[in-house]
């Protein structure tokens, strides 16, 4: 009899407490789309959202969900904007699921409905950074999950291909340097291709006065 009373008390506690131990779902909808550099996740928040923290989570091949991005101070955040976008450029993924975890002030938790996407093209490399160095040198840093052969195509603002190179990337971080000394100033785009997989870069080449002096000096030395 004592056990029945204890069980009844526990049920009553669960029904009356504000701190639900069961995860709830919200009607906030996640949208995903595949792009060259990964997967774009988009969502919108309503004005009546009461959570103070939101966590974007990812599951690969049906494994447990892990934190991808954390948004703190949500109430102030949604005062400035209601639409959010996140680019997931993790390499080697094909079947992926995403969801949002909402944490209330009272520590109760609820989730958005998970959304799944099957990538048609699995990314094996990504652009980690790009930088225009002094004296017209363009640096591209790539991260690769395997031995990768790429084609680098440089295109000017008129749509003309002005440079084509073959790049070979090893596992991990790879740095590549392109000498732009003899190219005019302007906006350039670059295409990195490996079969059906490709990524694009854009940069603005501008020659500084100090670079002009250095280039003229190096060219004069080369002639003499």
N, C-alpha and C. Protein backbone atom coordinates (compact mmCIF):
# COMPACT_ATOMS: atom_id res chain seq x y z
N UNK A 1 0.83 -1.21 0.00
CA UNK A 1 0.00 0.00 0.00
C UNK A 1 0.87 1.26 0.00
N UNK A 2 1.95 1.18 0.72
CA UNK A 2 2.86 2.32 0.81
C UNK A 2 3.47 2.63 -0.55
N UNK A 3 3.80 1.58 -1.32
CA UNK A 3 4.38 1.78 -2.65
C UNK A 3 3.39 2.46 -3.59
N UNK A 4 2.10 2.08 -3.51
CA UNK A 4 1.09 2.69 -4.35
C UNK A 4 0.94 4.18 -4.04
N UNK A 5 1.00 4.53 -2.74
CA UNK A 5 0.89 5.93 -2.35
C UNK A 5 2.08 6.73 -2.86
N UNK A 6 3.27 6.14 -2.79
CA UNK A 6 4.47 6.81 -3.28
C UNK A 6 4.38 7.06 -4.77
N UNK A 7 3.92 6.07 -5.54
CA UNK A 7 3.77 6.21 -6.98
C UNK A 7 2.74 7.27 -7.32
N UNK A 8 1.62 7.28 -6.56
CA UNK A 8 0.58 8.29 -6.81
C UNK A 8 1.11 9.69 -6.53
N UNK A 9 1.91 9.81 -5.49
CA UNK A 9 2.49 11.12 -5.18
C UNK A 9 3.44 11.60 -6.26
N UNK A 10 4.22 10.67 -6.82
CA UNK A 10 5.15 11.02 -7.89
C UNK A 10 4.41 11.49 -9.13
N UNK A 11 3.34 10.79 -9.48
CA UNK A 11 2.54 11.19 -10.64
C UNK A 11 1.95 12.57 -10.44
N UNK A 12 1.42 12.83 -9.21
CA UNK A 12 0.84 14.14 -8.91
C UNK A 12 1.89 15.24 -9.02
N UNK A 13 3.11 14.95 -8.57
CA UNK A 13 4.20 15.92 -8.64
C UNK A 13 4.52 16.27 -10.09
N UNK A 14 4.56 15.25 -10.95
CA UNK A 14 4.87 15.48 -12.36
C UNK A 14 3.79 16.27 -13.06
N UNK A 15 2.55 16.09 -12.63
CA UNK A 15 1.44 16.79 -13.27
C UNK A 15 1.36 18.24 -12.84
N UNK A 16 1.85 18.57 -11.66
CA UNK A 16 1.67 19.93 -11.13
C UNK A 16 2.92 20.78 -11.22
N UNK A 17 4.09 20.19 -11.39
CA UNK A 17 5.32 20.98 -11.39
C UNK A 17 5.48 21.74 -12.70
N UNK A 18 6.16 22.88 -12.64
CA UNK A 18 6.46 23.67 -13.84
C UNK A 18 7.75 23.22 -14.49
N UNK A 19 8.52 22.36 -13.85
CA UNK A 19 9.80 21.91 -14.37
C UNK A 19 9.62 20.54 -14.99
N UNK A 20 9.16 20.53 -16.22
CA UNK A 20 8.90 19.25 -16.89
C UNK A 20 10.19 18.52 -17.17
N UNK A 21 10.23 17.23 -16.85
CA UNK A 21 11.41 16.43 -17.14
C UNK A 21 11.29 15.78 -18.51
N UNK A 22 10.16 15.99 -19.19
CA UNK A 22 9.97 15.42 -20.52
C UNK A 22 10.21 16.50 -21.57
N UNK A 23 10.91 16.14 -22.65
CA UNK A 23 11.19 17.09 -23.71
C UNK A 23 9.93 17.36 -24.52
N UNK A 24 9.66 18.62 -24.80
CA UNK A 24 8.51 19.01 -25.61
C UNK A 24 9.00 19.43 -26.99
N UNK A 25 8.08 19.54 -27.93
CA UNK A 25 8.41 20.01 -29.27
C UNK A 25 7.71 21.33 -29.53
N UNK A 26 8.35 22.19 -30.34
CA UNK A 26 7.77 23.46 -30.72
C UNK A 26 7.46 23.43 -32.21
N UNK A 27 6.63 24.36 -32.67
CA UNK A 27 6.26 24.38 -34.08
C UNK A 27 7.21 25.23 -34.93
N UNK A 28 8.34 25.69 -34.35
CA UNK A 28 9.33 26.42 -35.13
C UNK A 28 9.95 25.46 -36.15
N UNK A 29 9.97 25.88 -37.41
CA UNK A 29 10.39 24.99 -38.50
C UNK A 29 11.80 25.35 -38.98
N UNK A 30 12.64 24.33 -39.08
CA UNK A 30 13.95 24.49 -39.67
C UNK A 30 13.87 24.19 -41.17
N UNK A 31 14.61 24.97 -41.96
CA UNK A 31 14.71 24.72 -43.39
C UNK A 31 16.17 24.54 -43.76
N UNK A 32 16.45 23.58 -44.63
CA UNK A 32 17.83 23.30 -45.03
C UNK A 32 17.94 23.29 -46.55
N UNK A 33 19.12 23.63 -47.03
CA UNK A 33 19.39 23.52 -48.46
C UNK A 33 20.88 23.28 -48.67
N UNK A 34 21.19 22.50 -49.68
CA UNK A 34 22.59 22.19 -49.99
C UNK A 34 23.17 23.28 -50.87
N UNK A 35 24.37 23.75 -50.52
CA UNK A 35 25.11 24.71 -51.33
C UNK A 35 26.50 24.15 -51.60
N UNK A 36 27.28 24.85 -52.42
CA UNK A 36 28.60 24.34 -52.79
C UNK A 36 29.50 24.09 -51.58
N UNK A 37 29.42 24.97 -50.59
CA UNK A 37 30.33 24.90 -49.46
C UNK A 37 29.78 24.13 -48.27
N UNK A 38 28.56 23.56 -48.36
CA UNK A 38 28.02 22.80 -47.24
C UNK A 38 26.50 22.80 -47.22
N UNK A 39 25.94 23.00 -46.02
CA UNK A 39 24.49 23.00 -45.83
C UNK A 39 24.09 24.29 -45.10
N UNK A 40 23.09 24.97 -45.64
CA UNK A 40 22.56 26.19 -45.01
C UNK A 40 21.30 25.82 -44.23
N UNK A 41 21.27 26.22 -42.94
CA UNK A 41 20.09 25.99 -42.10
C UNK A 41 19.46 27.35 -41.81
N UNK A 42 18.14 27.46 -41.98
CA UNK A 42 17.42 28.71 -41.76
C UNK A 42 16.23 28.48 -40.86
N UNK A 43 15.89 29.49 -40.05
CA UNK A 43 14.70 29.41 -39.21
C UNK A 43 14.28 30.82 -38.78
N UNK A 44 13.04 30.92 -38.30
CA UNK A 44 12.50 32.20 -37.82
C UNK A 44 11.91 32.01 -36.43
N UNK A 45 12.00 33.07 -35.60
CA UNK A 45 11.45 33.05 -34.26
C UNK A 45 10.25 33.99 -34.18
N UNK A 46 9.29 33.62 -33.36
CA UNK A 46 8.13 34.48 -33.13
C UNK A 46 8.37 35.35 -31.91
N UNK A 47 7.54 36.40 -31.75
CA UNK A 47 7.72 37.35 -30.65
C UNK A 47 7.43 36.73 -29.28
N UNK A 48 6.64 35.67 -29.25
CA UNK A 48 6.27 35.08 -27.96
C UNK A 48 7.26 34.03 -27.48
N UNK A 49 8.41 33.91 -28.12
CA UNK A 49 9.42 32.96 -27.67
C UNK A 49 9.95 33.37 -26.31
N UNK A 50 9.98 32.43 -25.36
CA UNK A 50 10.37 32.76 -23.99
C UNK A 50 11.71 32.17 -23.57
N UNK A 51 12.36 31.41 -24.43
CA UNK A 51 13.63 30.77 -24.08
C UNK A 51 14.73 31.82 -23.89
N UNK A 52 15.69 31.53 -23.00
CA UNK A 52 16.81 32.44 -22.80
C UNK A 52 18.06 31.94 -23.52
N UNK A 53 18.07 30.65 -23.92
CA UNK A 53 19.21 30.10 -24.66
C UNK A 53 18.70 29.11 -25.71
N UNK A 54 19.32 29.15 -26.89
CA UNK A 54 18.96 28.25 -27.97
C UNK A 54 20.24 27.59 -28.50
N UNK A 55 20.16 26.30 -28.75
CA UNK A 55 21.31 25.54 -29.23
C UNK A 55 20.94 24.85 -30.53
N UNK A 56 21.70 25.10 -31.58
CA UNK A 56 21.54 24.38 -32.84
C UNK A 56 22.33 23.08 -32.74
N UNK A 57 21.66 21.94 -32.99
CA UNK A 57 22.30 20.64 -32.84
C UNK A 57 22.28 19.88 -34.16
N UNK A 58 23.27 18.98 -34.30
CA UNK A 58 23.41 18.20 -35.53
C UNK A 58 23.62 16.73 -35.21
N UNK A 59 23.00 15.88 -36.04
CA UNK A 59 23.19 14.44 -35.95
C UNK A 59 23.61 13.93 -37.33
N UNK A 60 24.67 13.12 -37.36
CA UNK A 60 25.17 12.57 -38.63
C UNK A 60 24.92 11.06 -38.64
N UNK A 61 24.26 10.57 -39.68
CA UNK A 61 23.97 9.14 -39.84
C UNK A 61 23.21 8.57 -38.64
N UNK A 62 22.28 9.35 -38.09
CA UNK A 62 21.44 8.85 -37.02
C UNK A 62 22.11 8.75 -35.66
N UNK A 63 23.30 9.31 -35.51
CA UNK A 63 23.97 9.30 -34.21
C UNK A 63 23.33 10.35 -33.30
N UNK A 64 23.79 10.41 -32.04
CA UNK A 64 23.23 11.37 -31.09
C UNK A 64 23.47 12.80 -31.57
N UNK A 65 22.58 13.70 -31.16
CA UNK A 65 22.72 15.10 -31.53
C UNK A 65 23.82 15.76 -30.71
N UNK A 66 24.64 16.57 -31.39
CA UNK A 66 25.72 17.31 -30.74
C UNK A 66 25.57 18.79 -31.04
N UNK A 67 26.11 19.62 -30.14
CA UNK A 67 26.00 21.08 -30.27
C UNK A 67 26.79 21.58 -31.47
N UNK A 68 26.13 22.41 -32.27
CA UNK A 68 26.78 23.02 -33.43
C UNK A 68 27.01 24.51 -33.19
N UNK A 69 26.02 25.18 -32.60
CA UNK A 69 26.13 26.61 -32.30
C UNK A 69 25.21 26.95 -31.14
N UNK A 70 25.66 27.85 -30.25
CA UNK A 70 24.87 28.26 -29.09
C UNK A 70 24.54 29.75 -29.19
N UNK A 71 23.28 30.08 -28.93
CA UNK A 71 22.82 31.47 -28.95
C UNK A 71 22.36 31.83 -27.54
N UNK A 72 23.09 32.75 -26.90
CA UNK A 72 22.76 33.20 -25.55
C UNK A 72 21.97 34.52 -25.61
N UNK A 73 21.39 34.87 -24.46
CA UNK A 73 20.65 36.14 -24.34
C UNK A 73 19.66 36.30 -25.49
N UNK A 74 18.84 35.28 -25.67
CA UNK A 74 17.96 35.19 -26.84
C UNK A 74 16.96 36.33 -26.91
N UNK A 75 16.44 36.76 -25.78
CA UNK A 75 15.41 37.81 -25.78
C UNK A 75 15.92 39.11 -26.40
N UNK A 76 17.16 39.47 -26.07
CA UNK A 76 17.76 40.66 -26.70
C UNK A 76 18.10 40.39 -28.16
N UNK A 77 18.45 39.17 -28.45
CA UNK A 77 18.83 38.80 -29.81
C UNK A 77 17.66 38.93 -30.77
N UNK A 78 16.49 38.48 -30.36
CA UNK A 78 15.34 38.50 -31.27
C UNK A 78 14.70 39.88 -31.36
N UNK A 79 15.16 40.81 -30.53
CA UNK A 79 14.68 42.18 -30.69
C UNK A 79 15.25 42.81 -31.95
N UNK A 80 16.46 42.36 -32.33
CA UNK A 80 17.14 42.92 -33.51
C UNK A 80 16.76 42.19 -34.80
N UNK A 81 16.52 40.88 -34.70
CA UNK A 81 16.17 40.12 -35.91
C UNK A 81 15.39 38.88 -35.51
N UNK A 82 14.57 38.40 -36.46
CA UNK A 82 13.77 37.21 -36.21
C UNK A 82 14.18 36.04 -37.09
N UNK A 83 14.95 36.32 -38.15
CA UNK A 83 15.39 35.27 -39.07
C UNK A 83 16.87 34.98 -38.86
N UNK A 84 17.22 33.69 -38.86
CA UNK A 84 18.59 33.28 -38.62
C UNK A 84 19.05 32.31 -39.70
N UNK A 85 20.35 32.38 -40.00
CA UNK A 85 20.96 31.50 -41.01
C UNK A 85 22.29 31.00 -40.48
N UNK A 86 22.56 29.72 -40.70
CA UNK A 86 23.83 29.13 -40.27
C UNK A 86 24.35 28.25 -41.40
N UNK A 87 25.65 28.40 -41.73
CA UNK A 87 26.28 27.56 -42.74
C UNK A 87 27.09 26.47 -42.05
N UNK A 88 26.73 25.23 -42.29
CA UNK A 88 27.47 24.08 -41.77
C UNK A 88 28.38 23.57 -42.88
N UNK A 89 29.68 23.87 -42.79
CA UNK A 89 30.62 23.48 -43.84
C UNK A 89 31.51 22.31 -43.41
N UNK A 90 31.00 21.51 -42.48
CA UNK A 90 31.74 20.32 -42.07
C UNK A 90 31.90 19.38 -43.26
N UNK A 91 33.08 18.81 -43.39
CA UNK A 91 33.37 17.92 -44.52
C UNK A 91 32.96 16.48 -44.22
N UNK A 92 32.77 15.70 -45.28
CA UNK A 92 32.55 14.27 -45.16
C UNK A 92 31.14 13.86 -44.76
N UNK A 93 30.17 14.77 -44.81
CA UNK A 93 28.81 14.45 -44.39
C UNK A 93 27.92 14.21 -45.60
N UNK A 94 26.98 13.24 -45.47
CA UNK A 94 25.96 13.07 -46.51
C UNK A 94 24.56 13.06 -45.91
N UNK A 95 24.26 12.17 -44.98
CA UNK A 95 22.95 12.13 -44.33
C UNK A 95 23.04 12.83 -42.97
N UNK A 96 22.34 13.98 -42.85
CA UNK A 96 22.47 14.83 -41.67
C UNK A 96 21.08 15.26 -41.18
N UNK A 97 20.96 15.43 -39.87
CA UNK A 97 19.72 15.95 -39.28
C UNK A 97 20.06 17.12 -38.35
N UNK A 98 19.16 18.09 -38.27
CA UNK A 98 19.35 19.26 -37.41
C UNK A 98 18.10 19.48 -36.56
N UNK A 99 18.30 20.09 -35.40
CA UNK A 99 17.19 20.52 -34.56
C UNK A 99 17.65 21.67 -33.67
N UNK A 100 16.69 22.37 -33.09
CA UNK A 100 16.98 23.44 -32.12
C UNK A 100 16.57 22.98 -30.73
N UNK A 101 17.43 23.23 -29.76
CA UNK A 101 17.13 22.97 -28.35
C UNK A 101 16.85 24.32 -27.67
N UNK A 102 15.70 24.43 -27.03
CA UNK A 102 15.31 25.66 -26.34
C UNK A 102 15.39 25.43 -24.84
N UNK A 103 16.06 26.33 -24.13
CA UNK A 103 16.20 26.23 -22.67
C UNK A 103 15.52 27.44 -22.03
N UNK A 104 14.55 27.17 -21.16
CA UNK A 104 13.80 28.23 -20.48
C UNK A 104 14.53 28.67 -19.21
N UNK A 105 14.07 29.78 -18.64
CA UNK A 105 14.66 30.29 -17.40
C UNK A 105 14.55 29.28 -16.27
N UNK A 106 13.49 28.47 -16.26
CA UNK A 106 13.31 27.49 -15.20
C UNK A 106 14.02 26.16 -15.50
N UNK A 107 14.88 26.20 -16.55
CA UNK A 107 15.69 25.05 -16.96
C UNK A 107 14.90 23.96 -17.68
N UNK A 108 13.65 24.19 -17.95
CA UNK A 108 12.90 23.22 -18.76
C UNK A 108 13.40 23.32 -20.20
N UNK A 109 13.26 22.21 -20.93
CA UNK A 109 13.84 22.11 -22.26
C UNK A 109 12.78 21.63 -23.25
N UNK A 110 12.78 22.20 -24.45
CA UNK A 110 11.95 21.67 -25.53
C UNK A 110 12.70 21.81 -26.84
N UNK A 111 12.25 21.09 -27.87
CA UNK A 111 12.99 20.99 -29.12
C UNK A 111 12.11 21.35 -30.31
N UNK A 112 12.77 21.77 -31.39
CA UNK A 112 12.09 21.87 -32.67
C UNK A 112 12.05 20.48 -33.29
N UNK A 113 11.19 20.29 -34.25
CA UNK A 113 11.12 19.01 -34.95
C UNK A 113 12.37 18.83 -35.80
N UNK A 114 13.06 17.69 -35.69
CA UNK A 114 14.28 17.49 -36.48
C UNK A 114 13.99 17.52 -37.98
N UNK A 115 14.93 18.04 -38.74
CA UNK A 115 14.81 18.06 -40.19
C UNK A 115 16.04 17.35 -40.76
N UNK A 116 15.84 16.47 -41.74
CA UNK A 116 16.92 15.69 -42.33
C UNK A 116 17.20 16.16 -43.75
N UNK A 117 18.45 15.97 -44.16
CA UNK A 117 18.84 16.29 -45.53
C UNK A 117 19.88 15.28 -45.98
N UNK A 118 19.77 14.81 -47.22
CA UNK A 118 20.75 13.92 -47.83
C UNK A 118 21.54 14.73 -48.86
N UNK A 119 22.84 14.94 -48.58
CA UNK A 119 23.66 15.71 -49.50
C UNK A 119 23.96 14.91 -50.76
N UNK A 120 23.80 15.55 -51.89
CA UNK A 120 24.10 14.88 -53.16
C UNK A 120 25.61 14.83 -53.41
N UNK A 121 26.31 15.86 -52.96
CA UNK A 121 27.76 15.93 -53.13
C UNK A 121 28.41 16.09 -51.76
N UNK A 122 29.24 15.13 -51.38
CA UNK A 122 29.93 15.18 -50.09
C UNK A 122 31.17 16.04 -50.21
N UNK A 123 31.30 17.03 -49.34
CA UNK A 123 32.46 17.92 -49.37
C UNK A 123 33.69 17.21 -48.82
N UNK A 124 34.77 17.20 -49.60
CA UNK A 124 36.03 16.59 -49.16
C UNK A 124 37.09 17.63 -48.85
N UNK A 125 36.81 18.90 -49.16
CA UNK A 125 37.73 19.99 -48.85
C UNK A 125 36.91 21.25 -48.60
N UNK A 126 37.52 22.23 -47.96
CA UNK A 126 36.85 23.51 -47.75
C UNK A 126 37.89 24.61 -47.66
N UNK A 127 37.48 25.83 -47.96
CA UNK A 127 38.35 26.99 -47.85
C UNK A 127 38.34 27.46 -46.40
N UNK A 128 39.48 27.34 -45.74
CA UNK A 128 39.57 27.75 -44.34
C UNK A 128 39.73 29.26 -44.23
N UNK A 129 40.49 29.85 -45.15
CA UNK A 129 40.67 31.31 -45.13
C UNK A 129 41.23 31.77 -46.48
N UNK A 130 41.09 33.05 -46.73
CA UNK A 130 41.69 33.68 -47.91
C UNK A 130 42.20 35.04 -47.50
N UNK A 131 43.33 35.47 -48.11
CA UNK A 131 43.95 36.72 -47.69
C UNK A 131 44.75 37.30 -48.85
N UNK A 132 44.60 38.60 -49.08
CA UNK A 132 45.40 39.30 -50.08
C UNK A 132 46.61 39.89 -49.37
N UNK A 133 47.79 39.33 -49.63
CA UNK A 133 49.02 39.74 -48.97
C UNK A 133 49.67 40.90 -49.71
N UNK A 134 50.66 41.57 -49.08
CA UNK A 134 51.38 42.66 -49.76
C UNK A 134 52.02 42.17 -51.06
N UNK A 135 52.29 43.11 -51.95
CA UNK A 135 52.93 42.87 -53.23
C UNK A 135 52.12 41.93 -54.12
N UNK A 136 50.80 42.00 -54.01
CA UNK A 136 49.94 41.31 -54.94
C UNK A 136 49.94 39.80 -54.85
N UNK A 137 50.10 39.26 -53.66
CA UNK A 137 50.07 37.81 -53.47
C UNK A 137 48.75 37.42 -52.80
N UNK A 138 48.03 36.48 -53.42
CA UNK A 138 46.76 36.01 -52.90
C UNK A 138 46.99 34.65 -52.25
N UNK A 139 46.66 34.56 -50.95
CA UNK A 139 46.87 33.32 -50.19
C UNK A 139 45.53 32.64 -49.94
N UNK A 140 45.47 31.35 -50.26
CA UNK A 140 44.28 30.55 -50.01
C UNK A 140 44.68 29.37 -49.13
N UNK A 141 43.99 29.21 -48.01
CA UNK A 141 44.23 28.09 -47.10
C UNK A 141 43.09 27.10 -47.22
N UNK A 142 43.42 25.86 -47.58
CA UNK A 142 42.43 24.81 -47.73
C UNK A 142 42.60 23.76 -46.64
N UNK A 143 41.48 23.19 -46.22
CA UNK A 143 41.49 22.03 -45.33
C UNK A 143 40.89 20.86 -46.09
N UNK A 144 41.58 19.72 -46.04
CA UNK A 144 41.14 18.56 -46.81
C UNK A 144 41.10 17.33 -45.91
N UNK A 145 40.15 16.41 -46.21
CA UNK A 145 40.06 15.17 -45.43
C UNK A 145 40.75 14.01 -46.14
N UNK A 146 41.43 14.32 -47.23
CA UNK A 146 42.17 13.28 -47.95
C UNK A 146 43.04 13.89 -49.02
N UNK A 147 43.81 13.07 -49.73
CA UNK A 147 44.60 13.54 -50.85
C UNK A 147 43.65 14.05 -51.93
N UNK A 148 43.79 15.32 -52.32
CA UNK A 148 42.83 15.94 -53.22
C UNK A 148 43.55 16.69 -54.33
N UNK A 149 43.15 16.44 -55.57
CA UNK A 149 43.65 17.18 -56.73
C UNK A 149 42.57 18.15 -57.19
N UNK A 150 42.92 19.43 -57.24
CA UNK A 150 41.97 20.49 -57.56
C UNK A 150 42.42 21.28 -58.78
N UNK A 151 41.45 21.90 -59.43
CA UNK A 151 41.73 22.85 -60.49
C UNK A 151 41.35 24.23 -59.99
N UNK A 152 42.31 25.16 -60.06
CA UNK A 152 42.09 26.54 -59.64
C UNK A 152 41.94 27.40 -60.89
N UNK A 153 40.82 28.10 -61.02
CA UNK A 153 40.55 28.95 -62.17
C UNK A 153 40.28 30.37 -61.68
N UNK A 154 41.08 31.32 -62.16
CA UNK A 154 40.90 32.73 -61.79
C UNK A 154 40.18 33.46 -62.92
N UNK A 155 39.13 34.22 -62.56
CA UNK A 155 38.27 34.88 -63.54
C UNK A 155 38.21 36.37 -63.21
N UNK A 156 38.40 37.22 -64.23
CA UNK A 156 38.35 38.66 -63.97
C UNK A 156 36.90 39.16 -64.00
N UNK A 157 36.71 40.46 -63.77
CA UNK A 157 35.36 41.01 -63.65
C UNK A 157 34.61 41.04 -64.98
N UNK A 158 35.31 40.79 -66.09
CA UNK A 158 34.66 40.70 -67.40
C UNK A 158 34.29 39.27 -67.76
N UNK A 159 34.57 38.34 -66.84
CA UNK A 159 34.23 36.95 -67.08
C UNK A 159 35.29 36.16 -67.84
N UNK A 160 36.47 36.73 -68.01
CA UNK A 160 37.55 36.05 -68.73
C UNK A 160 38.40 35.21 -67.78
N UNK A 161 38.73 33.99 -68.20
CA UNK A 161 39.67 33.16 -67.44
C UNK A 161 41.08 33.68 -67.66
N UNK A 162 41.72 34.14 -66.59
CA UNK A 162 43.04 34.75 -66.72
C UNK A 162 44.15 33.85 -66.15
N UNK A 163 43.76 32.81 -65.43
CA UNK A 163 44.76 31.90 -64.86
C UNK A 163 44.12 30.57 -64.52
N UNK A 164 44.83 29.48 -64.86
CA UNK A 164 44.39 28.13 -64.49
C UNK A 164 45.58 27.37 -63.94
N UNK A 165 45.40 26.76 -62.77
CA UNK A 165 46.47 25.99 -62.13
C UNK A 165 45.92 24.67 -61.60
N UNK A 166 46.80 23.69 -61.45
CA UNK A 166 46.48 22.41 -60.83
C UNK A 166 47.06 22.42 -59.42
N UNK A 167 46.20 22.16 -58.44
CA UNK A 167 46.63 22.12 -57.05
C UNK A 167 46.50 20.70 -56.50
N UNK A 168 47.42 20.34 -55.66
CA UNK A 168 47.38 19.04 -54.98
C UNK A 168 47.40 19.29 -53.47
N UNK A 169 46.34 18.88 -52.78
CA UNK A 169 46.22 19.11 -51.34
C UNK A 169 46.39 17.81 -50.57
N UNK A 170 47.10 17.89 -49.45
CA UNK A 170 47.28 16.74 -48.56
C UNK A 170 46.20 16.77 -47.47
N UNK A 171 46.16 15.72 -46.66
CA UNK A 171 45.23 15.70 -45.53
C UNK A 171 45.60 16.81 -44.55
N UNK A 172 44.60 17.57 -44.11
CA UNK A 172 44.84 18.64 -43.15
C UNK A 172 44.85 20.01 -43.81
N UNK A 173 45.71 20.91 -43.31
CA UNK A 173 45.77 22.30 -43.75
C UNK A 173 46.80 22.46 -44.87
N UNK A 174 46.40 23.17 -45.94
CA UNK A 174 47.28 23.41 -47.08
C UNK A 174 47.22 24.88 -47.46
N UNK A 175 48.39 25.50 -47.68
CA UNK A 175 48.47 26.90 -48.10
C UNK A 175 48.89 26.99 -49.56
N UNK A 176 48.19 27.81 -50.33
CA UNK A 176 48.52 28.04 -51.73
C UNK A 176 48.67 29.54 -51.95
N UNK A 177 49.64 29.92 -52.82
CA UNK A 177 49.93 31.33 -53.06
C UNK A 177 49.87 31.61 -54.56
N UNK A 178 49.16 32.68 -54.93
CA UNK A 178 49.04 33.07 -56.32
C UNK A 178 49.61 34.47 -56.49
N UNK A 179 50.58 34.62 -57.40
CA UNK A 179 51.21 35.91 -57.65
C UNK A 179 50.34 36.71 -58.62
N UNK A 180 49.82 37.83 -58.15
CA UNK A 180 48.93 38.66 -58.97
C UNK A 180 49.63 39.92 -59.49
N UNK A 181 50.97 39.93 -59.48
CA UNK A 181 51.74 41.12 -59.88
C UNK A 181 51.30 41.68 -61.22
N UNK A 182 51.10 40.82 -62.19
CA UNK A 182 50.87 41.27 -63.56
C UNK A 182 49.38 41.35 -63.93
N UNK A 183 48.52 41.25 -62.92
CA UNK A 183 47.09 41.38 -63.17
C UNK A 183 46.61 42.77 -62.77
N UNK A 184 45.69 43.32 -63.52
CA UNK A 184 45.16 44.64 -63.22
C UNK A 184 44.35 44.62 -61.93
N UNK A 185 44.23 45.79 -61.32
CA UNK A 185 43.37 45.91 -60.14
C UNK A 185 41.92 45.68 -60.54
N UNK A 186 41.14 45.15 -59.62
CA UNK A 186 39.73 44.91 -59.89
C UNK A 186 39.20 43.75 -59.08
N UNK A 187 37.96 43.41 -59.31
CA UNK A 187 37.30 42.32 -58.61
C UNK A 187 37.51 41.02 -59.37
N UNK A 188 37.98 40.01 -58.67
CA UNK A 188 38.24 38.70 -59.26
C UNK A 188 37.43 37.63 -58.51
N UNK A 189 37.07 36.61 -59.24
CA UNK A 189 36.47 35.43 -58.62
C UNK A 189 37.35 34.23 -58.95
N UNK A 190 37.34 33.26 -58.07
CA UNK A 190 38.15 32.05 -58.27
C UNK A 190 37.26 30.83 -58.08
N UNK A 191 37.48 29.85 -58.92
CA UNK A 191 36.71 28.61 -58.87
C UNK A 191 37.65 27.47 -58.53
N UNK A 192 37.30 26.71 -57.48
CA UNK A 192 38.06 25.52 -57.08
C UNK A 192 37.22 24.30 -57.40
N UNK A 193 37.72 23.42 -58.28
CA UNK A 193 36.92 22.30 -58.77
C UNK A 193 37.60 20.97 -58.49
N UNK A 194 36.74 20.01 -58.12
CA UNK A 194 37.16 18.61 -58.02
C UNK A 194 35.95 17.77 -58.45
N UNK A 195 35.90 17.38 -59.71
CA UNK A 195 34.75 16.66 -60.21
C UNK A 195 33.50 17.52 -60.10
N UNK A 196 32.44 16.99 -59.46
CA UNK A 196 31.20 17.75 -59.27
C UNK A 196 31.28 18.70 -58.08
N UNK A 197 32.29 18.56 -57.28
CA UNK A 197 32.46 19.40 -56.09
C UNK A 197 33.22 20.67 -56.45
N UNK A 198 32.68 21.82 -56.05
CA UNK A 198 33.38 23.07 -56.33
C UNK A 198 33.01 24.13 -55.29
N UNK A 199 33.92 25.08 -55.13
CA UNK A 199 33.69 26.23 -54.26
C UNK A 199 34.19 27.48 -54.95
N UNK A 200 33.62 28.61 -54.62
CA UNK A 200 33.99 29.87 -55.25
C UNK A 200 34.52 30.87 -54.23
N UNK A 201 35.42 31.72 -54.68
CA UNK A 201 35.99 32.79 -53.87
C UNK A 201 35.85 34.10 -54.63
N UNK A 202 35.78 35.20 -53.91
CA UNK A 202 35.76 36.53 -54.53
C UNK A 202 36.68 37.44 -53.73
N UNK A 203 37.44 38.26 -54.44
CA UNK A 203 38.31 39.21 -53.75
C UNK A 203 38.54 40.42 -54.65
N UNK A 204 38.96 41.53 -54.06
CA UNK A 204 39.22 42.77 -54.78
C UNK A 204 40.71 43.06 -54.72
N UNK A 205 41.37 43.02 -55.87
CA UNK A 205 42.80 43.30 -55.93
C UNK A 205 43.00 44.80 -56.08
N UNK A 206 43.69 45.39 -55.11
CA UNK A 206 44.06 46.80 -55.17
C UNK A 206 45.54 46.92 -54.87
N UNK A 207 46.25 47.67 -55.68
CA UNK A 207 47.69 47.83 -55.51
C UNK A 207 47.97 49.07 -54.69
N UNK A 208 48.67 48.89 -53.59
CA UNK A 208 49.04 50.02 -52.73
C UNK A 208 50.31 50.67 -53.27
N UNK A 209 50.54 51.93 -52.89
CA UNK A 209 51.73 52.64 -53.34
C UNK A 209 53.01 51.93 -52.93
N UNK A 210 53.04 51.41 -51.69
CA UNK A 210 54.22 50.71 -51.21
C UNK A 210 54.48 49.45 -52.03
N UNK A 211 53.38 48.80 -52.48
CA UNK A 211 53.53 47.61 -53.30
C UNK A 211 54.09 47.96 -54.68
N UNK A 212 53.65 49.13 -55.24
CA UNK A 212 54.14 49.55 -56.54
C UNK A 212 55.64 49.79 -56.50
N UNK A 213 56.12 50.44 -55.43
CA UNK A 213 57.55 50.71 -55.30
C UNK A 213 58.32 49.40 -55.18
N UNK A 214 57.81 48.45 -54.36
CA UNK A 214 58.48 47.17 -54.18
C UNK A 214 58.53 46.37 -55.48
N UNK A 215 57.43 46.39 -56.26
CA UNK A 215 57.39 45.63 -57.51
C UNK A 215 58.33 46.24 -58.54
N UNK A 216 58.38 47.59 -58.63
CA UNK A 216 59.29 48.24 -59.57
C UNK A 216 60.74 47.93 -59.22
N UNK A 217 61.04 47.92 -57.92
CA UNK A 217 62.40 47.63 -57.48
C UNK A 217 62.79 46.19 -57.82
N UNK A 218 61.90 45.23 -57.58
CA UNK A 218 62.20 43.83 -57.85
C UNK A 218 62.36 43.59 -59.35
N UNK A 219 61.56 44.29 -60.16
CA UNK A 219 61.67 44.14 -61.62
C UNK A 219 62.96 44.73 -62.14
N UNK A 220 63.41 45.87 -61.54
CA UNK A 220 64.66 46.51 -61.95
C UNK A 220 65.84 45.60 -61.62
N UNK A 221 65.81 44.97 -60.44
CA UNK A 221 66.87 44.05 -60.05
C UNK A 221 66.91 42.84 -60.97
N UNK A 222 65.72 42.38 -61.40
CA UNK A 222 65.67 41.20 -62.26
C UNK A 222 66.33 41.50 -63.62
N UNK A 223 66.21 42.78 -64.10
CA UNK A 223 66.79 43.14 -65.39
C UNK A 223 68.31 43.32 -65.31
N UNK A 224 68.79 43.62 -64.12
CA UNK A 224 70.22 43.89 -63.96
C UNK A 224 70.87 42.73 -63.20
